[in-house]
Amino acid sequence: MSNLVRGVLLSLLICLPAWAGSPVYTGFFSDTAIKGYDPVAYFSQGEPRKGDAAFSHRWNDADWHFVSAANRDLFAASPQRYAPQYGGYCAYALATSNSLAKIDPDAWTIVDDKLYLNYSLKIRSKWLEKQAEYIATADKNWPQHLP
């Protein structure tokens, strides 16, 4: 293995723990929350909508994108109201394996006026089977993942 490859791998390993404990899901090489989707749109339009960087707001060490200035302003005034639970990580993974997993913005539910995201539509189907139980478990597991 070349020194360059070793250096890159070492750099990734050093950065991984910081990324893994991030309070908001952004992926490895981004600081854009929930893949750039507008969290307010799930509530106001009842569907996932890709946001625009022109309407962004920095919160909780991540850039959040919105479809409009109005949505951005709603979020900025009350981010806890609109931000997905568990920082936008997969709620099912947090509940079933106490791990952080990426999400598919199309795999979502709103329960008791809170947004939950899942890894995939298939996982969302499993999530729906026992979501109250999964929410209770994920609520207990989440604090362990905060920096």
Protein backbone atom coordinates (compact mmCIF):
# COMPACT_ATOMS: atom_id res chain seq x y z
CA MET A 1 0.00 0.00 0.00
CA SER A 2 1.44 3.36 -0.98
CA ASN A 3 2.10 6.14 1.51
CA LEU A 4 -0.51 8.27 -0.24
CA VAL A 5 -3.21 5.62 0.19
CA ARG A 6 -2.20 5.12 3.83
CA GLY A 7 -2.38 8.86 4.39
CA VAL A 8 -5.83 9.13 2.87
CA LEU A 9 -7.12 6.17 4.89
CA LEU A 10 -5.64 7.56 8.08
CA SER A 11 -7.26 10.94 7.40
CA LEU A 12 -10.63 9.28 6.87
CA LEU A 13 -10.31 7.29 10.08
CA ILE A 14 -9.43 10.42 12.02
CA CYS A 15 -12.40 12.31 10.58
CA LEU A 16 -14.90 9.45 10.92
CA PRO A 17 -15.51 9.72 14.67
CA ALA A 18 -16.30 13.42 14.37
CA TRP A 19 -18.70 12.78 11.50
CA ALA A 20 -20.32 9.80 13.16
CA GLY A 21 -21.28 11.89 16.18
CA SER A 22 -22.63 14.86 14.26
CA PRO A 23 -26.00 15.99 15.62
CA VAL A 24 -27.35 16.41 12.06
CA TYR A 25 -27.20 13.98 9.15
CA THR A 26 -25.13 15.54 6.36
CA GLY A 27 -23.18 12.66 4.85
CA PHE A 28 -19.37 12.49 4.63
CA PHE A 29 -18.34 15.37 2.41
CA SER A 30 -21.15 17.85 2.93
CA ASP A 31 -22.53 20.13 5.57
CA THR A 32 -25.99 20.22 3.98
CA ALA A 33 -28.65 18.70 6.21
CA ILE A 34 -30.91 15.88 5.05
CA LYS A 35 -29.57 15.81 1.50
CA GLY A 36 -30.75 19.36 0.83
CA TYR A 37 -34.43 18.66 1.35
CA ASP A 38 -36.70 21.27 2.91
CA PRO A 39 -37.89 20.04 6.33
CA VAL A 40 -40.74 22.57 6.40
CA ALA A 41 -42.19 21.20 3.14
CA TYR A 42 -42.96 17.85 4.77
CA PHE A 43 -45.35 19.71 7.08
CA SER A 44 -46.69 22.44 4.79
CA GLN A 45 -46.86 20.57 1.50
CA GLY A 46 -47.12 16.99 2.73
CA GLU A 47 -44.24 15.82 0.57
CA PRO A 48 -40.46 15.94 0.31
CA ARG A 49 -39.19 18.86 -1.74
CA LYS A 50 -35.58 19.53 -2.65
CA GLY A 51 -34.52 22.87 -1.26
CA ASP A 52 -32.48 25.58 -2.96
CA ALA A 53 -29.15 26.79 -1.56
CA ALA A 54 -30.36 30.33 -2.30
CA PHE A 55 -32.79 29.84 0.60
CA SER A 56 -30.52 28.40 3.26
CA HIS A 57 -30.16 28.73 7.00
CA ARG A 58 -27.27 27.56 9.19
CA TRP A 59 -28.41 25.69 12.28
CA ASN A 60 -26.84 23.04 14.48
CA ASP A 61 -23.59 23.01 12.46
CA ALA A 62 -25.39 22.27 9.19
CA ASP A 63 -26.80 24.16 6.22
CA TRP A 64 -30.52 23.62 5.74
CA HIS A 65 -32.04 24.30 2.32
CA PHE A 66 -35.59 25.43 1.62
CA VAL A 67 -37.89 25.83 -1.36
CA SER A 68 -38.69 29.42 -0.43
CA ALA A 69 -37.70 32.31 1.80
CA ALA A 70 -40.98 31.81 3.67
CA ASN A 71 -40.06 28.22 4.57
CA ARG A 72 -36.55 29.30 5.56
CA ASP A 73 -37.97 31.96 7.84
CA LEU A 74 -40.41 29.53 9.47
CA PHE A 75 -37.54 27.16 10.18
CA ALA A 76 -35.24 29.90 11.46
CA ALA A 77 -37.93 31.05 13.90
CA SER A 78 -38.54 27.53 15.25
CA PRO A 79 -36.01 24.93 14.07
CA GLN A 80 -36.99 22.38 16.72
CA ARG A 81 -40.54 22.44 15.33
CA TYR A 82 -39.49 21.45 11.80
CA ALA A 83 -36.15 19.64 12.06
CA PRO A 84 -36.43 15.86 11.75
CA GLN A 85 -36.03 13.79 14.86
CA TYR A 86 -32.62 12.31 15.65
CA GLY A 87 -30.84 14.89 13.55
CA GLY A 88 -32.32 13.45 10.37
CA TYR A 89 -30.63 10.07 10.75
CA CYS A 90 -32.68 6.94 10.08
CA ALA A 91 -35.11 6.53 12.97
CA TYR A 92 -35.46 2.77 12.38
CA ALA A 93 -31.69 2.16 12.56
CA LEU A 94 -31.45 4.16 15.75
CA ALA A 95 -34.28 2.13 17.29
CA THR A 96 -33.31 -1.35 16.12
CA SER A 97 -29.50 -1.30 16.19
CA ASN A 98 -28.67 1.92 18.07
CA SER A 99 -26.71 3.05 15.02
CA LEU A 100 -26.70 6.10 12.78
CA ALA A 101 -27.68 5.49 9.17
CA LYS A 102 -28.24 7.66 6.13
CA ILE A 103 -31.73 8.44 4.88
CA ASP A 104 -33.86 8.55 1.79
CA PRO A 105 -35.83 11.84 1.91
CA ASP A 106 -38.80 10.01 0.31
CA ALA A 107 -39.00 7.61 3.28
CA TRP A 108 -40.69 9.78 5.89
CA THR A 109 -43.55 10.01 8.35
CA ILE A 110 -44.95 12.64 10.66
CA VAL A 111 -46.06 11.34 14.05
CA ASP A 112 -47.43 13.65 16.73
CA ASP A 113 -46.26 16.63 14.68
CA LYS A 114 -42.67 15.34 14.52
CA LEU A 115 -40.80 14.39 11.34
CA TYR A 116 -39.07 11.00 11.14
CA LEU A 117 -36.85 9.90 8.27
CA ASN A 118 -35.83 6.37 7.29
CA TYR A 119 -33.09 4.70 5.26
CA SER A 120 -35.41 3.53 2.46
CA LEU A 121 -39.05 2.97 1.57
CA LYS A 122 -38.63 -0.72 2.46
CA ILE A 123 -37.32 0.21 5.91
CA ARG A 124 -40.14 2.74 6.25
CA SER A 125 -42.61 -0.13 5.81
CA LYS A 126 -40.98 -1.95 8.73
CA TRP A 127 -40.93 1.30 10.74
CA LEU A 128 -44.69 1.73 10.28
CA GLU A 129 -45.40 -1.73 11.74
CA LYS A 130 -44.29 -0.74 15.26
CA GLN A 131 -43.49 2.95 15.04
CA ALA A 132 -44.64 3.83 18.58
CA GLU A 133 -42.32 1.16 20.01
CA TYR A 134 -39.47 2.26 17.71
CA ILE A 135 -39.90 5.91 18.67
CA ALA A 136 -39.69 5.05 22.38
CA THR A 137 -36.50 3.06 21.83
CA ALA A 138 -34.91 5.63 19.51
CA ASP A 139 -35.72 8.40 22.01
CA LYS A 140 -33.69 6.47 24.61
CA ASN A 141 -30.81 5.74 22.21
CA TRP A 142 -30.43 9.19 20.64
CA PRO A 143 -28.65 10.99 23.51
CA GLN A 144 -25.78 8.46 23.30
CA HIS A 145 -24.97 9.75 19.80
CA LEU A 146 -24.76 13.43 20.64
CA PRO A 147 -21.30 14.94 20.87
